[in-house]
């Protein structure tokens, strides 16, 4: 498997590691999203203890306003973070 294919598989596996603990197995509840952000993206987000910040992230991610974060909404978050990290590294290398 190529590195890009491995990265895709990791995104899928990580999403499903957290989804479905509460309710629908194909979406993330707010608590599941908090666990994912803390455990998988803690270096970027820190430990998500600020409830207002978590509520805003959840609301911003929940594009269709159904009260959950689906896989597409999750991938949007990861893609945006990846672009921001890329910009940061480009700027810091100059």
PDB file of N, CA and C in Angstrom:
ATOM      1  N   UNK A   1       0.845  -1.179   0.000  1.00  0.00           N
ATOM      2  CA  UNK A   1       0.000   0.000   0.000  1.00  0.00           C
ATOM      3  C   UNK A   1       0.892   1.244   0.000  1.00  0.00           C
ATOM      4  N   UNK A   2       0.516   2.246  -0.776  1.00  0.00           N
ATOM      5  CA  UNK A   2       1.289   3.488  -0.811  1.00  0.00           C
ATOM      6  C   UNK A   2       1.083   4.275   0.484  1.00  0.00           C
ATOM      7  N   UNK A   3       1.883   5.284   0.701  1.00  0.00           N
ATOM      8  CA  UNK A   3       1.749   6.099   1.908  1.00  0.00           C
ATOM      9  C   UNK A   3       0.413   6.839   1.933  1.00  0.00           C
ATOM     10  N   UNK A   4      -0.043   7.296   0.787  1.00  0.00           N
ATOM     11  CA  UNK A   4      -1.339   7.981   0.726  1.00  0.00           C
ATOM     12  C   UNK A   4      -2.470   6.997   1.048  1.00  0.00           C
ATOM     13  N   UNK A   5      -2.375   5.783   0.522  1.00  0.00           N
ATOM     14  CA  UNK A   5      -3.388   4.768   0.843  1.00  0.00           C
ATOM     15  C   UNK A   5      -3.361   4.427   2.327  1.00  0.00           C
ATOM     16  N   UNK A   6      -2.187   4.345   2.906  1.00  0.00           N
ATOM     17  CA  UNK A   6      -2.065   4.092   4.349  1.00  0.00           C
ATOM     18  C   UNK A   6      -2.699   5.232   5.140  1.00  0.00           C
ATOM     19  N   UNK A   7      -2.464   6.461   4.704  1.00  0.00           N
ATOM     20  CA  UNK A   7      -3.049   7.623   5.389  1.00  0.00           C
ATOM     21  C   UNK A   7      -4.570   7.589   5.300  1.00  0.00           C
ATOM     22  N   UNK A   8      -5.100   7.223   4.139  1.00  0.00           N
ATOM     23  CA  UNK A   8      -6.552   7.113   3.972  1.00  0.00           C
ATOM     24  C   UNK A   8      -7.131   6.040   4.894  1.00  0.00           C
ATOM     25  N   UNK A   9      -6.470   4.905   4.941  1.00  0.00           N
ATOM     26  CA  UNK A   9      -6.925   3.816   5.814  1.00  0.00           C
ATOM     27  C   UNK A   9      -6.881   4.238   7.275  1.00  0.00           C
ATOM     28  N   UNK A  10      -5.846   4.994   7.647  1.00  0.00           N
ATOM     29  CA  UNK A  10      -5.727   5.466   9.030  1.00  0.00           C
ATOM     30  C   UNK A  10      -6.845   6.442   9.377  1.00  0.00           C
ATOM     31  N   UNK A  11      -7.210   7.331   8.441  1.00  0.00           N
ATOM     32  CA  UNK A  11      -8.318   8.259   8.675  1.00  0.00           C
ATOM     33  C   UNK A  11      -9.617   7.496   8.921  1.00  0.00           C
ATOM     34  N   UNK A  12      -9.861   6.490   8.097  1.00  0.00           N
ATOM     35  CA  UNK A  12     -11.079   5.688   8.233  1.00  0.00           C
ATOM     36  C   UNK A  12     -11.072   4.928   9.556  1.00  0.00           C
ATOM     37  N   UNK A  13      -9.971   4.262   9.844  1.00  0.00           N
ATOM     38  CA  UNK A  13      -9.861   3.470  11.078  1.00  0.00           C
ATOM     39  C   UNK A  13     -10.022   4.351  12.314  1.00  0.00           C
ATOM     40  N   UNK A  14      -9.409   5.505  12.293  1.00  0.00           N
ATOM     41  CA  UNK A  14      -9.490   6.408  13.446  1.00  0.00           C
ATOM     42  C   UNK A  14     -10.916   6.889  13.659  1.00  0.00           C
ATOM     43  N   UNK A  15     -11.603   7.268  12.590  1.00  0.00           N
ATOM     44  CA  UNK A  15     -12.991   7.705  12.714  1.00  0.00           C
ATOM     45  C   UNK A  15     -13.837   6.616  13.374  1.00  0.00           C
ATOM     46  N   UNK A  16     -13.708   5.395  12.875  1.00  0.00           N
ATOM     47  CA  UNK A  16     -14.551   4.309  13.378  1.00  0.00           C
ATOM     48  C   UNK A  16     -14.123   3.809  14.757  1.00  0.00           C
ATOM     49  N   UNK A  17     -12.927   4.132  15.160  1.00  0.00           N
ATOM     50  CA  UNK A  17     -12.483   3.827  16.525  1.00  0.00           C
ATOM     51  C   UNK A  17     -13.324   4.597  17.547  1.00  0.00           C
ATOM     52  N   UNK A  18     -13.784   5.782  17.172  1.00  0.00           N
ATOM     53  CA  UNK A  18     -14.534   6.645  18.087  1.00  0.00           C
ATOM     54  C   UNK A  18     -16.025   6.700  17.797  1.00  0.00           C
ATOM     55  N   UNK A  19     -16.423   6.465  16.555  1.00  0.00           N
ATOM     56  CA  UNK A  19     -17.845   6.568  16.201  1.00  0.00           C
ATOM     57  C   UNK A  19     -18.618   5.367  16.732  1.00  0.00           C
ATOM     58  N   UNK A  20     -19.880   5.608  17.011  1.00  0.00           N
ATOM     59  CA  UNK A  20     -20.765   4.509  17.372  1.00  0.00           C
ATOM     60  C   UNK A  20     -20.724   4.063  18.815  1.00  0.00           C
ATOM     61  N   UNK A  21     -19.897   4.673  19.640  1.00  0.00           N
ATOM     62  CA  UNK A  21     -19.924   4.324  21.061  1.00  0.00           C
ATOM     63  C   UNK A  21     -21.244   4.796  21.668  1.00  0.00           C
ATOM     64  N   UNK A  22     -21.755   5.907  21.092  1.00  0.00           N
ATOM     65  CA  UNK A  22     -23.061   6.438  21.476  1.00  0.00           C
ATOM     66  C   UNK A  22     -23.877   6.577  20.198  1.00  0.00           C
ATOM     67  N   UNK A  23     -24.985   5.912  20.108  1.00  0.00           N
ATOM     68  CA  UNK A  23     -25.857   6.092  18.951  1.00  0.00           C
ATOM     69  C   UNK A  23     -25.330   5.480  17.665  1.00  0.00           C
ATOM     70  N   UNK A  24     -25.489   6.226  16.584  1.00  0.00           N
ATOM     71  CA  UNK A  24     -25.173   5.768  15.227  1.00  0.00           C
ATOM     72  C   UNK A  24     -23.694   5.424  15.106  1.00  0.00           C
ATOM     73  N   UNK A  25     -23.407   4.243  14.565  1.00  0.00           N
ATOM     74  CA  UNK A  25     -22.015   3.795  14.457  1.00  0.00           C
ATOM     75  C   UNK A  25     -21.266   4.483  13.321  1.00  0.00           C
ATOM     76  N   UNK A  26     -21.960   5.303  12.529  1.00  0.00           N
ATOM     77  CA  UNK A  26     -21.322   5.994  11.409  1.00  0.00           C
ATOM     78  C   UNK A  26     -21.198   7.497  11.623  1.00  0.00           C
ATOM     79  N   UNK A  27     -21.438   7.946  12.860  1.00  0.00           N
ATOM     80  CA  UNK A  27     -21.301   9.364  13.178  1.00  0.00           C
ATOM     81  C   UNK A  27     -20.634   9.523  14.540  1.00  0.00           C
ATOM     82  N   UNK A  28     -20.161  10.738  14.787  1.00  0.00           N
ATOM     83  CA  UNK A  28     -19.565  11.074  16.069  1.00  0.00           C
ATOM     84  C   UNK A  28     -20.518  11.973  16.854  1.00  0.00           C
ATOM     85  N   UNK A  29     -20.773  11.607  18.082  1.00  0.00           N
ATOM     86  CA  UNK A  29     -21.499  12.497  18.984  1.00  0.00           C
ATOM     87  C   UNK A  29     -20.510  13.545  19.491  1.00  0.00           C
ATOM     88  N   UNK A  30     -20.992  14.512  20.239  1.00  0.00           N
ATOM     89  CA  UNK A  30     -20.097  15.524  20.788  1.00  0.00           C
ATOM     90  C   UNK A  30     -19.058  14.893  21.714  1.00  0.00           C
ATOM     91  N   UNK A  31     -19.468  13.936  22.528  1.00  0.00           N
ATOM     92  CA  UNK A  31     -18.532  13.267  23.450  1.00  0.00           C
ATOM     93  C   UNK A  31     -17.501  12.446  22.674  1.00  0.00           C
ATOM     94  N   UNK A  32     -17.942  11.761  21.625  1.00  0.00           N
ATOM     95  CA  UNK A  32     -17.020  10.981  20.805  1.00  0.00           C
ATOM     96  C   UNK A  32     -16.015  11.889  20.094  1.00  0.00           C
ATOM     97  N   UNK A  33     -16.509  13.032  19.592  1.00  0.00           N
ATOM     98  CA  UNK A  33     -15.613  13.987  18.947  1.00  0.00           C
ATOM     99  C   UNK A  33     -14.593  14.525  19.950  1.00  0.00           C
ATOM    100  N   UNK A  34     -15.039  14.810  21.159  1.00  0.00           N
ATOM    101  CA  UNK A  34     -14.123  15.297  22.204  1.00  0.00           C
ATOM    102  C   UNK A  34     -13.024  14.269  22.456  1.00  0.00           C
ATOM    103  N   UNK A  35     -13.394  12.995  22.565  1.00  0.00           N
ATOM    104  CA  UNK A  35     -12.400  11.935  22.778  1.00  0.00           C
ATOM    105  C   UNK A  35     -11.415  11.862  21.612  1.00  0.00           C
ATOM    106  N   UNK A  36     -11.938  11.929  20.391  1.00  0.00           N
ATOM    107  CA  UNK A  36     -11.076  11.874  19.212  1.00  0.00           C
ATOM    108  C   UNK A  36     -10.109  13.054  19.204  1.00  0.00           C
ATOM    109  N   UNK A  37     -10.613  14.263  19.425  1.00  0.00           N
ATOM    110  CA  UNK A  37      -9.759  15.448  19.410  1.00  0.00           C
ATOM    111  C   UNK A  37      -8.683  15.371  20.488  1.00  0.00           C
ATOM    112  N   UNK A  38      -9.068  14.950  21.678  1.00  0.00           N
ATOM    113  CA  UNK A  38      -8.111  14.857  22.785  1.00  0.00           C
ATOM    114  C   UNK A  38      -7.055  13.794  22.547  1.00  0.00           C
ATOM    115  N   UNK A  39      -7.499  12.630  22.125  1.00  0.00           N
ATOM    116  CA  UNK A  39      -6.585  11.495  21.988  1.00  0.00           C
ATOM    117  C   UNK A  39      -5.761  11.504  20.706  1.00  0.00           C
ATOM    118  N   UNK A  40      -6.356  11.960  19.624  1.00  0.00           N
ATOM    119  CA  UNK A  40      -5.684  11.872  18.326  1.00  0.00           C
ATOM    120  C   UNK A  40      -5.075  13.193  17.863  1.00  0.00           C
ATOM    121  N   UNK A  41      -5.641  14.300  18.315  1.00  0.00           N
ATOM    122  CA  UNK A  41      -5.166  15.615  17.866  1.00  0.00           C
ATOM    123  C   UNK A  41      -4.825  16.519  19.053  1.00  0.00           C
ATOM    124  N   UNK A  42      -4.497  15.906  20.173  1.00  0.00           N
ATOM    125  CA  UNK A  42      -4.198  16.662  21.387  1.00  0.00           C
ATOM    126  C   UNK A  42      -3.039  17.620  21.242  1.00  0.00           C
ATOM    127  N   UNK A  43      -2.074  17.272  20.393  1.00  0.00           N
ATOM    128  CA  UNK A  43      -0.941  18.170  20.167  1.00  0.00           C
ATOM    129  C   UNK A  43      -1.383  19.465  19.500  1.00  0.00           C
ATOM    130  N   UNK A  44      -2.455  19.414  18.737  1.00  0.00           N
ATOM    131  CA  UNK A  44      -2.968  20.600  18.043  1.00  0.00           C
ATOM    132  C   UNK A  44      -4.016  21.310  18.898  1.00  0.00           C
ATOM    133  N   UNK A  45      -4.963  20.543  19.431  1.00  0.00           N
ATOM    134  CA  UNK A  45      -6.074  21.119  20.182  1.00  0.00           C
ATOM    135  C   UNK A  45      -5.821  21.215  21.677  1.00  0.00           C
ATOM    136  N   UNK A  46      -4.818  20.515  22.177  1.00  0.00           N
ATOM    137  CA  UNK A  46      -4.661  20.403  23.616  1.00  0.00           C
ATOM    138  C   UNK A  46      -5.729  19.468  24.145  1.00  0.00           C
ATOM    139  N   UNK A  47      -5.803  19.354  25.419  1.00  0.00           N
ATOM    140  CA  UNK A  47      -6.866  18.540  26.007  1.00  0.00           C
ATOM    141  C   UNK A  47      -8.125  19.384  26.021  1.00  0.00           C
ATOM    142  N   UNK A  48      -9.124  18.954  25.288  1.00  0.00           N
ATOM    143  CA  UNK A  48     -10.330  19.750  25.076  1.00  0.00           C
ATOM    144  C   UNK A  48     -11.188  19.785  26.332  1.00  0.00           C
ATOM    145  N   UNK A  49     -10.837  20.705  27.229  1.00  0.00           N
ATOM    146  CA  UNK A  49     -11.600  20.851  28.466  1.00  0.00           C
ATOM    147  C   UNK A  49     -12.496  22.086  28.431  1.00  0.00           C
ATOM    148  N   UNK A  50     -12.301  22.965  27.451  1.00  0.00           N
ATOM    149  CA  UNK A  50     -13.108  24.168  27.311  1.00  0.00           C
ATOM    150  C   UNK A  50     -14.398  23.811  26.573  1.00  0.00           C
ATOM    151  N   UNK A  51     -15.501  23.714  27.320  1.00  0.00           N
ATOM    152  CA  UNK A  51     -16.769  23.268  26.737  1.00  0.00           C
ATOM    153  C   UNK A  51     -17.263  24.219  25.658  1.00  0.00           C
ATOM    154  N   UNK A  52     -17.084  25.528  25.841  1.00  0.00           N
ATOM    155  CA  UNK A  52     -17.517  26.485  24.819  1.00  0.00           C
ATOM    156  C   UNK A  52     -16.757  26.271  23.511  1.00  0.00           C
ATOM    157  N   UNK A  53     -15.449  26.058  23.624  1.00  0.00           N
ATOM    158  CA  UNK A  53     -14.634  25.825  22.428  1.00  0.00           C
ATOM    159  C   UNK A  53     -15.065  24.531  21.739  1.00  0.00           C
ATOM    160  N   UNK A  54     -15.302  23.483  22.524  1.00  0.00           N
ATOM    161  CA  UNK A  54     -15.752  22.210  21.953  1.00  0.00           C
ATOM    162  C   UNK A  54     -17.106  22.377  21.271  1.00  0.00           C
ATOM    163  N   UNK A  55     -18.019  23.101  21.901  1.00  0.00           N
ATOM    164  CA  UNK A  55     -19.333  23.343  21.302  1.00  0.00           C
ATOM    165  C   UNK A  55     -19.202  24.065  19.963  1.00  0.00           C
ATOM    166  N   UNK A  56     -18.303  25.041  19.894  1.00  0.00           N
ATOM    167  CA  UNK A  56     -18.100  25.794  18.641  1.00  0.00           C
ATOM    168  C   UNK A  56     -17.505  24.893  17.563  1.00  0.00           C
ATOM    169  N   UNK A  57     -16.488  24.109  17.918  1.00  0.00           N
ATOM    170  CA  UNK A  57     -15.892  23.187  16.944  1.00  0.00           C
ATOM    171  C   UNK A  57     -16.957  22.235  16.420  1.00  0.00           C
ATOM    172  N   UNK A  58     -17.752  21.671  17.337  1.00  0.00           N
ATOM    173  CA  UNK A  58     -18.787  20.723  16.946  1.00  0.00           C
ATOM    174  C   UNK A  58     -19.804  21.390  16.021  1.00  0.00           C
ATOM    175  N   UNK A  59     -20.255  22.575  16.385  1.00  0.00           N
ATOM    176  CA  UNK A  59     -21.244  23.287  15.573  1.00  0.00           C
ATOM    177  C   UNK A  59     -20.681  23.610  14.192  1.00  0.00           C
ATOM    178  N   UNK A  60     -19.434  24.063  14.160  1.00  0.00           N
ATOM    179  CA  UNK A  60     -18.809  24.390  12.875  1.00  0.00           C
ATOM    180  C   UNK A  60     -18.630  23.151  11.997  1.00  0.00           C
ATOM    181  N   UNK A  61     -18.319  22.021  12.602  1.00  0.00           N
ATOM    182  CA  UNK A  61     -18.134  20.784  11.831  1.00  0.00           C
ATOM    183  C   UNK A  61     -19.453  20.198  11.335  1.00  0.00           C
ATOM    184  N   UNK A  62     -20.490  20.348  12.127  1.00  0.00           N
ATOM    185  CA  UNK A  62     -21.788  19.748  11.813  1.00  0.00           C
ATOM    186  C   UNK A  62     -22.483  20.553  10.715  1.00  0.00           C
ATOM    187  N   UNK A  63     -21.954  20.461   9.504  1.00  0.00           N
ATOM    188  CA  UNK A  63     -22.409  21.279   8.373  1.00  0.00           C
ATOM    189  C   UNK A  63     -23.898  21.101   8.071  1.00  0.00           C
ATOM    190  N   UNK A  64     -24.411  19.897   8.222  1.00  0.00           N
ATOM    191  CA  UNK A  64     -25.820  19.660   7.917  1.00  0.00           C
ATOM    192  C   UNK A  64     -26.723  19.822   9.147  1.00  0.00           C
ATOM    193  N   UNK A  65     -26.156  20.243  10.279  1.00  0.00           N
ATOM    194  CA  UNK A  65     -26.898  20.554  11.510  1.00  0.00           C
ATOM    195  C   UNK A  65     -27.788  19.410  11.983  1.00  0.00           C
ATOM    196  N   UNK A  66     -27.266  18.176  11.870  1.00  0.00           N
ATOM    197  CA  UNK A  66     -28.061  17.030  12.336  1.00  0.00           C
ATOM    198  C   UNK A  66     -27.687  16.587  13.750  1.00  0.00           C
ATOM    199  N   UNK A  67     -26.790  17.320  14.388  1.00  0.00           N
ATOM    200  CA  UNK A  67     -26.424  17.001  15.769  1.00  0.00           C
ATOM    201  C   UNK A  67     -25.337  15.957  15.909  1.00  0.00           C
ATOM    202  N   UNK A  68     -24.739  15.572  14.785  1.00  0.00           N
ATOM    203  CA  UNK A  68     -23.631  14.615  14.798  1.00  0.00           C
ATOM    204  C   UNK A  68     -22.594  15.061  13.768  1.00  0.00           C
ATOM    205  N   UNK A  69     -21.399  14.482  13.865  1.00  0.00           N
ATOM    206  CA  UNK A  69     -20.356  14.719  12.870  1.00  0.00           C
ATOM    207  C   UNK A  69     -20.188  13.423  12.088  1.00  0.00           C
ATOM    208  N   UNK A  70     -20.483  13.493  10.790  1.00  0.00           N
ATOM    209  CA  UNK A  70     -20.335  12.302   9.960  1.00  0.00           C
ATOM    210  C   UNK A  70     -18.926  12.247   9.381  1.00  0.00           C
ATOM    211  N   UNK A  71     -18.649  11.211   8.618  1.00  0.00           N
ATOM    212  CA  UNK A  71     -17.300  11.007   8.103  1.00  0.00           C
ATOM    213  C   UNK A  71     -16.845  12.161   7.215  1.00  0.00           C
ATOM    214  N   UNK A  72     -17.722  12.661   6.360  1.00  0.00           N
ATOM    215  CA  UNK A  72     -17.361  13.768   5.471  1.00  0.00           C
ATOM    216  C   UNK A  72     -17.000  15.014   6.276  1.00  0.00           C
ATOM    217  N   UNK A  73     -17.748  15.289   7.317  1.00  0.00           N
ATOM    218  CA  UNK A  73     -17.476  16.456   8.162  1.00  0.00           C
ATOM    219  C   UNK A  73     -16.147  16.283   8.907  1.00  0.00           C
ATOM    220  N   UNK A  74     -15.875  15.075   9.347  1.00  0.00           N
ATOM    221  CA  UNK A  74     -14.609  14.758  10.012  1.00  0.00           C
ATOM    222  C   UNK A  74     -13.432  14.928   9.054  1.00  0.00           C
ATOM    223  N   UNK A  75     -13.563  14.426   7.830  1.00  0.00           N
ATOM    224  CA  UNK A  75     -12.488  14.538   6.847  1.00  0.00           C
ATOM    225  C   UNK A  75     -12.246  16.014   6.507  1.00  0.00           C
ATOM    226  N   UNK A  76     -13.290  16.805   6.486  1.00  0.00           N
ATOM    227  CA  UNK A  76     -13.139  18.244   6.255  1.00  0.00           C
ATOM    228  C   UNK A  76     -12.255  18.857   7.334  1.00  0.00           C
ATOM    229  N   UNK A  77     -12.475  18.479   8.581  1.00  0.00           N
ATOM    230  CA  UNK A  77     -11.642  18.972   9.692  1.00  0.00           C
ATOM    231  C   UNK A  77     -10.188  18.577   9.478  1.00  0.00           C
ATOM    232  N   UNK A  78      -9.947  17.320   9.178  1.00  0.00           N
ATOM    233  CA  UNK A  78      -8.576  16.831   8.998  1.00  0.00           C
ATOM    234  C   UNK A  78      -7.915  17.536   7.813  1.00  0.00           C
ATOM    235  N   UNK A  79      -8.653  17.727   6.733  1.00  0.00           N
ATOM    236  CA  UNK A  79      -8.092  18.403   5.552  1.00  0.00           C
ATOM    237  C   UNK A  79      -7.741  19.851   5.881  1.00  0.00           C
ATOM    238  N   UNK A  80      -8.607  20.543   6.582  1.00  0.00           N
ATOM    239  CA  UNK A  80      -8.330  21.937   6.953  1.00  0.00           C
ATOM    240  C   UNK A  80      -7.121  22.035   7.868  1.00  0.00           C
ATOM    241  N   UNK A  81      -7.032  21.156   8.848  1.00  0.00           N
ATOM    242  CA  UNK A  81      -5.876  21.151   9.746  1.00  0.00           C
ATOM    243  C   UNK A  81      -4.590  20.844   8.987  1.00  0.00           C
ATOM    244  N   UNK A  82      -4.672  19.930   8.037  1.00  0.00           N
ATOM    245  CA  UNK A  82      -3.506  19.571   7.229  1.00  0.00           C
ATOM    246  C   UNK A  82      -3.039  20.758   6.403  1.00  0.00           C
ATOM    247  N   UNK A  83      -3.977  21.488   5.824  1.00  0.00           N
ATOM    248  CA  UNK A  83      -3.612  22.674   5.048  1.00  0.00           C
ATOM    249  C   UNK A  83      -2.976  23.741   5.937  1.00  0.00           C
ATOM    250  N   UNK A  84      -3.527  23.950   7.125  1.00  0.00           N
ATOM    251  CA  UNK A  84      -2.958  24.936   8.054  1.00  0.00           C
ATOM    252  C   UNK A  84      -1.550  24.539   8.481  1.00  0.00           C
ATOM    253  N   UNK A  85      -1.347  23.271   8.759  1.00  0.00           N
ATOM    254  CA  UNK A  85      -0.010  22.793   9.141  1.00  0.00           C
ATOM    255  C   UNK A  85       0.975  22.981   7.984  1.00  0.00           C
ATOM    256  N   UNK A  86       0.528  22.694   6.773  1.00  0.00           N
ATOM    257  CA  UNK A  86       1.382  22.874   5.607  1.00  0.00           C
ATOM    258  C   UNK A  86       1.781  24.345   5.456  1.00  0.00           C
ATOM    259  N   UNK A  87       0.820  25.250   5.612  1.00  0.00           N
ATOM    260  CA  UNK A  87       1.113  26.683   5.532  1.00  0.00           C
ATOM    261  C   UNK A  87       2.113  27.096   6.613  1.00  0.00           C
ATOM    262  N   UNK A  88       1.906  26.587   7.826  1.00  0.00           N
ATOM    263  CA  UNK A  88       2.813  26.907   8.931  1.00  0.00           C
ATOM    264  C   UNK A  88       4.238  26.470   8.607  1.00  0.00           C
ATOM    265  N   UNK A  89       4.396  25.252   8.123  1.00  0.00           N
ATOM    266  CA  UNK A  89       5.732  24.736   7.818  1.00  0.00           C
ATOM    267  C   UNK A  89       6.366  25.457   6.640  1.00  0.00           C
ATOM    268  N   UNK A  90       5.549  25.868   5.671  1.00  0.00           N
ATOM    269  CA  UNK A  90       6.086  26.651   4.547  1.00  0.00           C
ATOM    270  C   UNK A  90       6.611  27.999   5.043  1.00  0.00           C
ATOM    271  N   UNK A  91       5.847  28.658   5.906  1.00  0.00           N
ATOM    272  CA  UNK A  91       6.246  29.965   6.422  1.00  0.00           C
ATOM    273  C   UNK A  91       7.481  29.851   7.323  1.00  0.00           C
ATOM    274  N   UNK A  92       7.521  28.804   8.119  1.00  0.00           N
ATOM    275  CA  UNK A  92       8.634  28.661   9.061  1.00  0.00           C
ATOM    276  C   UNK A  92       9.922  28.240   8.377  1.00  0.00           C
ATOM    277  N   UNK A  93       9.827  27.711   7.154  1.00  0.00           N
ATOM    278  CA  UNK A  93      11.030  27.293   6.452  1.00  0.00           C
ATOM    279  C   UNK A  93      11.677  28.426   5.656  1.00  0.00           C
ATOM    280  N   UNK A  94      11.009  29.563   5.617  1.00  0.00           N
ATOM    281  CA  UNK A  94      11.560  30.713   4.865  1.00  0.00           C
ATOM    282  C   UNK A  94      12.520  31.514   5.693  1.00  0.00           C
TER     283      UNK A  94
END
